Amino acid sequence: MKVLITVGTTPFDKLIRYCDEHLSSSLAVTMQISSNARYIPRRFAAFKFTDDVRLCYQDADLVVTHAGAGTIFTLLEMRKRIIVVPNLERDDRHQKDLASIVSQKRWGLVCWRYQDLPALIERAADFALTPYERKEFTGGPYIESIIKAVYSA
């Protein structure tokens, strides 16, 4: 199984280190680290963030990802199997909130504790997912009318 670990542009060294030190070497793991990561993987291949990351997503059987909205929704639209690992050390709560939604909707698995990740990776291939259905945003005209009303007042 080809596993991609991705953290986007923000450092998430704890996740990268844990994966590097604890995932089975029998897995084909590649790690995408942030441009300013402090921890560089020793056991698995790694690369810094790239604009061509979608090609890496396409090549992976499973993507272990931080809980960034852009990454998650791109992967869901691509119908990729995902395990979301929220970065709980961030001050904002959006990663935790988005991970909770992914879990509730059964769009993917969520890893709340690093030590659960190896078992979740084993389980991921057989986990029954609910396909994500993209809904078009139709609120643009309404938002535009509010902005015009505010600025014309």
N, C-alpha and C. Protein backbone atom coordinates (compact mmCIF):
# COMPACT_ATOMS: atom_id res chain seq x y z
N MET A 1 0.85 -1.18 0.00
CA MET A 1 0.00 0.00 0.00
C MET A 1 0.89 1.23 0.00
N LYS A 2 0.58 2.17 -0.90
CA LYS A 2 1.31 3.44 -0.96
C LYS A 2 0.63 4.44 -0.05
N VAL A 3 1.37 4.93 0.94
CA VAL A 3 0.83 5.87 1.91
C VAL A 3 1.57 7.19 1.78
N LEU A 4 0.80 8.26 1.63
CA LEU A 4 1.37 9.60 1.61
C LEU A 4 0.97 10.28 2.92
N ILE A 5 1.95 10.83 3.61
CA ILE A 5 1.71 11.64 4.80
C ILE A 5 1.89 13.09 4.33
N THR A 6 0.88 13.94 4.53
CA THR A 6 0.98 15.32 4.07
C THR A 6 0.57 16.29 5.18
N VAL A 7 1.34 17.37 5.29
CA VAL A 7 1.07 18.38 6.31
C VAL A 7 0.82 19.76 5.71
N GLY A 8 0.81 19.86 4.40
CA GLY A 8 0.58 21.16 3.77
C GLY A 8 1.75 22.10 4.00
N THR A 9 1.45 23.38 4.19
CA THR A 9 2.52 24.38 4.31
C THR A 9 2.93 24.67 5.74
N THR A 10 2.14 24.22 6.71
CA THR A 10 2.42 24.50 8.12
C THR A 10 3.19 23.34 8.75
N PRO A 11 4.24 23.61 9.51
CA PRO A 11 4.98 22.51 10.14
C PRO A 11 4.08 21.68 11.07
N PHE A 12 4.27 20.38 11.01
CA PHE A 12 3.57 19.45 11.90
C PHE A 12 4.58 18.35 12.21
N ASP A 13 5.71 18.78 12.80
CA ASP A 13 6.85 17.89 13.03
C ASP A 13 6.52 16.70 13.92
N LYS A 14 5.60 16.87 14.87
CA LYS A 14 5.25 15.75 15.75
C LYS A 14 4.66 14.59 14.96
N LEU A 15 3.79 14.91 14.01
CA LEU A 15 3.21 13.85 13.17
C LEU A 15 4.28 13.19 12.31
N ILE A 16 5.09 14.00 11.67
CA ILE A 16 6.14 13.45 10.80
C ILE A 16 7.10 12.58 11.60
N ARG A 17 7.54 13.06 12.76
CA ARG A 17 8.46 12.27 13.59
C ARG A 17 7.82 10.96 14.03
N TYR A 18 6.57 11.03 14.49
CA TYR A 18 5.90 9.81 14.95
C TYR A 18 5.84 8.79 13.80
N CYS A 19 5.41 9.22 12.63
CA CYS A 19 5.31 8.31 11.49
C CYS A 19 6.66 7.74 11.12
N ASP A 20 7.68 8.58 11.11
CA ASP A 20 9.03 8.13 10.76
C ASP A 20 9.54 7.08 11.75
N GLU A 21 9.23 7.25 13.01
CA GLU A 21 9.75 6.36 14.04
C GLU A 21 8.88 5.14 14.29
N HIS A 22 7.59 5.16 13.93
CA HIS A 22 6.70 4.09 14.36
C HIS A 22 5.97 3.32 13.26
N LEU A 23 5.88 3.86 12.07
CA LEU A 23 5.17 3.12 11.03
C LEU A 23 6.03 1.97 10.52
N SER A 24 5.36 0.92 10.10
CA SER A 24 6.04 -0.27 9.61
C SER A 24 6.84 0.04 8.34
N SER A 25 8.05 -0.48 8.31
CA SER A 25 8.89 -0.27 7.12
C SER A 25 8.38 -1.09 5.94
N SER A 26 7.38 -1.95 6.17
CA SER A 26 6.80 -2.71 5.06
C SER A 26 5.84 -1.85 4.23
N LEU A 27 5.47 -0.68 4.76
CA LEU A 27 4.61 0.24 4.02
C LEU A 27 5.46 1.09 3.07
N ALA A 28 4.91 1.43 1.94
CA ALA A 28 5.57 2.34 1.01
C ALA A 28 5.14 3.76 1.39
N VAL A 29 5.88 4.38 2.30
CA VAL A 29 5.51 5.68 2.84
C VAL A 29 6.35 6.78 2.20
N THR A 30 5.66 7.85 1.83
CA THR A 30 6.32 9.08 1.39
C THR A 30 5.73 10.20 2.24
N MET A 31 6.59 11.13 2.65
CA MET A 31 6.14 12.21 3.52
C MET A 31 6.36 13.56 2.84
N GLN A 32 5.31 14.36 2.88
CA GLN A 32 5.41 15.74 2.42
C GLN A 32 5.53 16.58 3.68
N ILE A 33 6.65 17.25 3.82
CA ILE A 33 6.90 18.08 5.00
C ILE A 33 6.80 19.55 4.61
N SER A 34 6.62 20.40 5.60
CA SER A 34 6.52 21.83 5.29
C SER A 34 7.89 22.38 4.92
N SER A 35 7.89 23.51 4.26
CA SER A 35 9.14 24.13 3.82
C SER A 35 10.04 24.52 4.99
N ASN A 36 9.45 24.79 6.15
CA ASN A 36 10.26 25.15 7.31
C ASN A 36 10.19 24.11 8.42
N ALA A 37 10.05 22.85 8.03
CA ALA A 37 10.05 21.76 9.01
C ALA A 37 11.41 21.66 9.70
N ARG A 38 11.39 21.34 10.97
CA ARG A 38 12.63 21.13 11.71
C ARG A 38 13.05 19.66 11.69
N TYR A 39 12.06 18.77 11.65
CA TYR A 39 12.36 17.34 11.65
C TYR A 39 12.36 16.83 10.22
N ILE A 40 13.45 16.18 9.83
CA ILE A 40 13.57 15.59 8.50
C ILE A 40 13.55 14.07 8.67
N PRO A 41 12.60 13.38 8.02
CA PRO A 41 12.51 11.92 8.17
C PRO A 41 13.79 11.20 7.79
N ARG A 42 14.06 10.13 8.52
CA ARG A 42 15.26 9.32 8.29
C ARG A 42 14.95 7.99 7.61
N ARG A 43 13.77 7.42 7.89
CA ARG A 43 13.44 6.08 7.40
C ARG A 43 12.66 6.08 6.09
N PHE A 44 11.94 7.15 5.84
CA PHE A 44 11.07 7.18 4.67
C PHE A 44 11.42 8.37 3.77
N ALA A 45 11.06 8.24 2.50
CA ALA A 45 11.28 9.32 1.54
C ALA A 45 10.46 10.54 1.94
N ALA A 46 11.02 11.72 1.71
CA ALA A 46 10.31 12.95 2.06
C ALA A 46 10.62 14.03 1.03
N PHE A 47 9.69 14.96 0.90
CA PHE A 47 9.89 16.12 0.05
C PHE A 47 9.17 17.29 0.69
N LYS A 48 9.64 18.49 0.36
CA LYS A 48 9.00 19.69 0.88
C LYS A 48 7.79 20.03 0.03
N PHE A 49 6.91 20.86 0.57
CA PHE A 49 5.67 21.19 -0.12
C PHE A 49 5.94 21.58 -1.56
N THR A 50 5.07 21.13 -2.45
CA THR A 50 5.18 21.41 -3.87
C THR A 50 3.81 21.79 -4.42
N ASP A 51 3.81 22.59 -5.45
CA ASP A 51 2.55 22.94 -6.10
C ASP A 51 1.95 21.75 -6.86
N ASP A 52 2.77 20.73 -7.13
CA ASP A 52 2.30 19.54 -7.85
C ASP A 52 1.88 18.43 -6.90
N VAL A 53 1.46 18.78 -5.69
CA VAL A 53 1.14 17.76 -4.70
C VAL A 53 -0.04 16.88 -5.14
N ARG A 54 -0.89 17.40 -6.01
CA ARG A 54 -2.03 16.59 -6.50
C ARG A 54 -1.55 15.31 -7.19
N LEU A 55 -0.42 15.37 -7.87
CA LEU A 55 0.12 14.16 -8.50
C LEU A 55 0.48 13.12 -7.44
N CYS A 56 0.99 13.59 -6.32
CA CYS A 56 1.31 12.69 -5.21
C CYS A 56 0.04 12.10 -4.62
N TYR A 57 -1.00 12.93 -4.49
CA TYR A 57 -2.28 12.42 -4.00
C TYR A 57 -2.80 11.31 -4.91
N GLN A 58 -2.73 11.55 -6.22
CA GLN A 58 -3.24 10.57 -7.18
C GLN A 58 -2.51 9.23 -7.07
N ASP A 59 -1.22 9.29 -6.80
CA ASP A 59 -0.40 8.08 -6.75
C ASP A 59 -0.60 7.28 -5.46
N ALA A 60 -1.12 7.90 -4.42
CA ALA A 60 -1.25 7.24 -3.12
C ALA A 60 -2.54 6.42 -3.03
N ASP A 61 -2.44 5.29 -2.33
CA ASP A 61 -3.62 4.49 -2.01
C ASP A 61 -4.34 5.07 -0.80
N LEU A 62 -3.56 5.67 0.09
CA LEU A 62 -4.08 6.23 1.34
C LEU A 62 -3.30 7.50 1.64
N VAL A 63 -4.01 8.54 2.07
CA VAL A 63 -3.35 9.79 2.45
C VAL A 63 -3.64 10.07 3.92
N VAL A 64 -2.57 10.20 4.69
CA VAL A 64 -2.66 10.63 6.08
C VAL A 64 -2.39 12.12 6.03
N THR A 65 -3.38 12.91 6.47
CA THR A 65 -3.29 14.35 6.28
C THR A 65 -3.60 15.14 7.54
N HIS A 66 -2.98 16.30 7.63
CA HIS A 66 -3.36 17.27 8.65
C HIS A 66 -4.81 17.67 8.36
N ALA A 67 -5.42 18.42 9.23
CA ALA A 67 -6.84 18.75 9.04
C ALA A 67 -7.02 20.12 8.41
N GLY A 68 -6.24 20.41 7.38
CA GLY A 68 -6.42 21.65 6.64
C GLY A 68 -7.57 21.50 5.66
N ALA A 69 -8.45 22.47 5.62
CA ALA A 69 -9.65 22.39 4.79
C ALA A 69 -9.33 22.20 3.31
N GLY A 70 -8.36 22.97 2.81
CA GLY A 70 -8.02 22.86 1.39
C GLY A 70 -7.56 21.46 1.02
N THR A 71 -6.71 20.89 1.85
CA THR A 71 -6.21 19.54 1.58
C THR A 71 -7.32 18.51 1.69
N ILE A 72 -8.09 18.57 2.77
CA ILE A 72 -9.14 17.57 2.98
C ILE A 72 -10.16 17.59 1.85
N PHE A 73 -10.65 18.76 1.49
CA PHE A 73 -11.70 18.79 0.46
C PHE A 73 -11.16 18.43 -0.91
N THR A 74 -9.91 18.75 -1.19
CA THR A 74 -9.30 18.29 -2.44
C THR A 74 -9.26 16.76 -2.47
N LEU A 75 -8.82 16.16 -1.38
CA LEU A 75 -8.73 14.69 -1.31
C LEU A 75 -10.11 14.04 -1.39
N LEU A 76 -11.10 14.63 -0.71
CA LEU A 76 -12.45 14.07 -0.76
C LEU A 76 -13.02 14.14 -2.17
N GLU A 77 -12.79 15.25 -2.86
CA GLU A 77 -13.28 15.38 -4.23
C GLU A 77 -12.57 14.41 -5.17
N MET A 78 -11.34 14.04 -4.83
CA MET A 78 -10.60 13.06 -5.62
C MET A 78 -10.97 11.63 -5.26
N ARG A 79 -11.85 11.47 -4.26
CA ARG A 79 -12.28 10.15 -3.78
C ARG A 79 -11.14 9.33 -3.19
N LYS A 80 -10.22 10.01 -2.52
CA LYS A 80 -9.09 9.32 -1.90
C LYS A 80 -9.49 8.84 -0.50
N ARG A 81 -8.90 7.73 -0.10
CA ARG A 81 -9.05 7.26 1.28
C ARG A 81 -8.13 8.12 2.14
N ILE A 82 -8.69 8.64 3.24
CA ILE A 82 -7.91 9.54 4.09
C ILE A 82 -8.00 9.15 5.55
N ILE A 83 -6.92 9.48 6.24
CA ILE A 83 -6.90 9.49 7.70
C ILE A 83 -6.51 10.91 8.08
N VAL A 84 -7.37 11.58 8.81
CA VAL A 84 -7.14 12.96 9.21
C VAL A 84 -6.52 12.97 10.61
N VAL A 85 -5.42 13.70 10.73
CA VAL A 85 -4.75 13.86 12.02
C VAL A 85 -4.74 15.36 12.33
N PRO A 86 -5.67 15.81 13.18
CA PRO A 86 -5.69 17.24 13.48
C PRO A 86 -4.48 17.65 14.31
N ASN A 87 -3.94 18.82 13.99
CA ASN A 87 -2.82 19.36 14.76
C ASN A 87 -3.42 20.09 15.96
N LEU A 88 -3.50 19.41 17.08
CA LEU A 88 -4.16 19.95 18.27
C LEU A 88 -3.31 20.96 19.01
N GLU A 89 -2.07 21.18 18.55
CA GLU A 89 -1.21 22.18 19.18
C GLU A 89 -1.44 23.58 18.61
N ARG A 90 -2.22 23.67 17.57
CA ARG A 90 -2.52 24.98 16.98
C ARG A 90 -3.47 25.74 17.89
N ASP A 91 -3.38 27.07 17.86
CA ASP A 91 -4.26 27.90 18.69
C ASP A 91 -5.70 27.90 18.18
N ASP A 92 -5.87 27.82 16.87
CA ASP A 92 -7.23 27.83 16.33
C ASP A 92 -7.84 26.43 16.45
N ARG A 93 -9.14 26.37 16.40
CA ARG A 93 -9.84 25.10 16.58
C ARG A 93 -10.30 24.48 15.26
N HIS A 94 -10.03 25.12 14.14
CA HIS A 94 -10.64 24.64 12.91
C HIS A 94 -10.21 23.22 12.55
N GLN A 95 -8.98 22.83 12.87
CA GLN A 95 -8.55 21.47 12.53
C GLN A 95 -9.35 20.44 13.32
N LYS A 96 -9.55 20.70 14.59
CA LYS A 96 -10.34 19.79 15.42
C LYS A 96 -11.79 19.73 14.92
N ASP A 97 -12.35 20.89 14.61
CA ASP A 97 -13.73 20.95 14.14
C ASP A 97 -13.90 20.20 12.82
N LEU A 98 -12.99 20.42 11.88
CA LEU A 98 -13.09 19.75 10.58
C LEU A 98 -12.89 18.24 10.72
N ALA A 99 -11.95 17.83 11.56
CA ALA A 99 -11.73 16.40 11.78
C ALA A 99 -12.99 15.74 12.35
N SER A 100 -13.66 16.43 13.26
CA SER A 100 -14.91 15.90 13.83
C SER A 100 -15.97 15.70 12.75
N ILE A 101 -16.07 16.64 11.81
CA ILE A 101 -17.04 16.52 10.73
C ILE A 101 -16.70 15.34 9.82
N VAL A 102 -15.41 15.18 9.50
CA VAL A 102 -14.99 14.05 8.66
C VAL A 102 -15.39 12.73 9.34
N SER A 103 -15.19 12.65 10.63
CA SER A 103 -15.54 11.45 11.38
C SER A 103 -17.06 11.23 11.39
N GLN A 104 -17.81 12.26 11.72
CA GLN A 104 -19.27 12.14 11.80
C GLN A 104 -19.89 11.74 10.47
N LYS A 105 -19.38 12.31 9.39
CA LYS A 105 -19.92 12.03 8.05
C LYS A 105 -19.37 10.73 7.46
N ARG A 106 -18.37 10.16 8.12
CA ARG A 106 -17.71 8.92 7.66
C ARG A 106 -17.04 9.10 6.29
N TRP A 107 -16.50 10.31 6.08
CA TRP A 107 -15.77 10.59 4.85
C TRP A 107 -14.36 10.00 4.92
N GLY A 108 -13.90 9.72 6.11
CA GLY A 108 -12.56 9.17 6.33
C GLY A 108 -12.41 8.81 7.79
N LEU A 109 -11.25 8.31 8.11
CA LEU A 109 -10.93 8.00 9.51
C LEU A 109 -10.24 9.20 10.13
N VAL A 110 -10.32 9.30 11.45
CA VAL A 110 -9.66 10.39 12.17
C VAL A 110 -8.80 9.79 13.26
N CYS A 111 -7.59 10.30 13.35
CA CYS A 111 -6.62 9.84 14.36
C CYS A 111 -6.45 10.95 15.40
N TRP A 112 -6.96 10.71 16.59
CA TRP A 112 -6.87 11.70 17.67
C TRP A 112 -5.62 11.52 18.51
N ARG A 113 -5.04 10.30 18.47
CA ARG A 113 -3.81 10.01 19.23
C ARG A 113 -2.83 9.33 18.28
N TYR A 114 -1.61 9.84 18.24
CA TYR A 114 -0.61 9.31 17.30
C TYR A 114 -0.47 7.79 17.41
N GLN A 115 -0.50 7.26 18.62
CA GLN A 115 -0.26 5.83 18.80
C GLN A 115 -1.35 4.96 18.15
N ASP A 116 -2.48 5.56 17.78
CA ASP A 116 -3.54 4.81 17.09
C ASP A 116 -3.33 4.74 15.58
N LEU A 117 -2.40 5.51 15.07
CA LEU A 117 -2.23 5.62 13.62
C LEU A 117 -1.87 4.30 12.92
N PRO A 118 -0.92 3.50 13.42
CA PRO A 118 -0.62 2.25 12.71
C PRO A 118 -1.85 1.34 12.55
N ALA A 119 -2.68 1.22 13.58
CA ALA A 119 -3.88 0.39 13.48
C ALA A 119 -4.89 0.99 12.51
N LEU A 120 -5.00 2.31 12.50
CA LEU A 120 -5.92 2.95 11.56
C LEU A 120 -5.47 2.75 10.12
N ILE A 121 -4.17 2.77 9.88
CA ILE A 121 -3.66 2.53 8.52
C ILE A 121 -4.03 1.11 8.08
N GLU A 122 -3.89 0.15 8.98
CA GLU A 122 -4.28 -1.23 8.65
C GLU A 122 -5.77 -1.33 8.34
N ARG A 123 -6.57 -0.60 9.07
CA ARG A 123 -8.03 -0.64 8.95
C ARG A 123 -8.55 0.15 7.75
N ALA A 124 -7.78 1.09 7.26
CA ALA A 124 -8.24 2.04 6.25
C ALA A 124 -8.72 1.39 4.95
N ALA A 125 -8.06 0.33 4.51
CA ALA A 125 -8.41 -0.28 3.23
C ALA A 125 -9.82 -0.88 3.25
N ASP A 126 -10.27 -1.33 4.41
CA ASP A 126 -11.56 -2.01 4.51
C ASP A 126 -12.66 -1.15 5.13
N PHE A 127 -12.33 0.07 5.55
CA PHE A 127 -13.30 0.93 6.20
C PHE A 127 -14.35 1.39 5.19
N ALA A 128 -15.63 1.22 5.52
CA ALA A 128 -16.72 1.64 4.62
C ALA A 128 -16.91 3.15 4.73
N LEU A 129 -16.52 3.85 3.68
CA LEU A 129 -16.63 5.30 3.65
C LEU A 129 -17.94 5.75 3.02
N THR A 130 -18.39 6.91 3.43
CA THR A 130 -19.51 7.57 2.78
C THR A 130 -18.92 8.52 1.75
N PRO A 131 -19.25 8.37 0.48
CA PRO A 131 -18.67 9.26 -0.53
C PRO A 131 -19.05 10.72 -0.27
N TYR A 132 -18.08 11.58 -0.45
CA TYR A 132 -18.30 13.02 -0.31
C TYR A 132 -18.98 13.53 -1.57
N GLU A 133 -20.03 14.28 -1.40
CA GLU A 133 -20.73 14.89 -2.54
C GLU A 133 -20.55 16.40 -2.45
N ARG A 134 -19.85 16.95 -3.41
CA ARG A 134 -19.59 18.39 -3.43
C ARG A 134 -20.87 19.14 -3.74
N LYS A 135 -21.13 20.16 -2.97
CA LYS A 135 -22.30 21.01 -3.20
C LYS A 135 -21.81 22.38 -3.64
N GLU A 136 -22.37 22.85 -4.73
CA GLU A 136 -21.99 24.17 -5.24
C GLU A 136 -22.42 25.25 -4.26
N PHE A 137 -21.57 26.25 -4.07
CA PHE A 137 -21.89 27.38 -3.22
C PHE A 137 -22.73 28.35 -4.03
N THR A 138 -23.91 28.66 -3.53
CA THR A 138 -24.81 29.53 -4.28
C THR A 138 -25.09 30.84 -3.56
N GLY A 139 -24.34 31.14 -2.52
CA GLY A 139 -24.59 32.33 -1.72
C GLY A 139 -23.90 33.59 -2.22
N GLY A 140 -23.15 33.49 -3.30
CA GLY A 140 -22.40 34.64 -3.81
C GLY A 140 -23.25 35.87 -4.07
N PRO A 141 -24.34 35.75 -4.83
CA PRO A 141 -25.18 36.93 -5.08
C PRO A 141 -25.73 37.56 -3.79
N TYR A 142 -26.10 36.74 -2.83
CA TYR A 142 -26.62 37.27 -1.56
C TYR A 142 -25.54 38.05 -0.82
N ILE A 143 -24.35 37.48 -0.74
CA ILE A 143 -23.23 38.16 -0.08
C ILE A 143 -22.90 39.46 -0.80
N GLU A 144 -22.90 39.41 -2.12
CA GLU A 144 -22.62 40.62 -2.90
C GLU A 144 -23.66 41.72 -2.62
N SER A 145 -24.93 41.33 -2.49
CA SER A 145 -25.96 42.33 -2.23
C SER A 145 -25.79 42.97 -0.85
N ILE A 146 -25.34 42.18 0.12
CA ILE A 146 -25.09 42.72 1.46
C ILE A 146 -23.92 43.70 1.42
N ILE A 147 -22.87 43.33 0.74
CA ILE A 147 -21.69 44.21 0.64
C ILE A 147 -22.07 45.52 -0.04
N LYS A 148 -22.82 45.42 -1.13
CA LYS A 148 -23.24 46.64 -1.83
C LYS A 148 -24.11 47.51 -0.93
N ALA A 149 -25.00 46.90 -0.16
CA ALA A 149 -25.87 47.65 0.73
C ALA A 149 -25.06 48.36 1.82
N VAL A 150 -24.05 47.69 2.34
CA VAL A 150 -23.23 48.29 3.39
C VAL A 150 -22.42 49.46 2.85
N TYR A 151 -21.83 49.28 1.67
CA TYR A 151 -20.96 50.32 1.13
C TYR A 151 -21.74 51.47 0.47
N SER A 152 -22.98 51.23 0.12
CA SER A 152 -23.76 52.32 -0.47
C SER A 152 -24.49 53.14 0.58
N ALA A 153 -24.50 52.66 1.81
CA ALA A 153 -25.21 53.37 2.88
C ALA A 153 -24.43 54.56 3.40
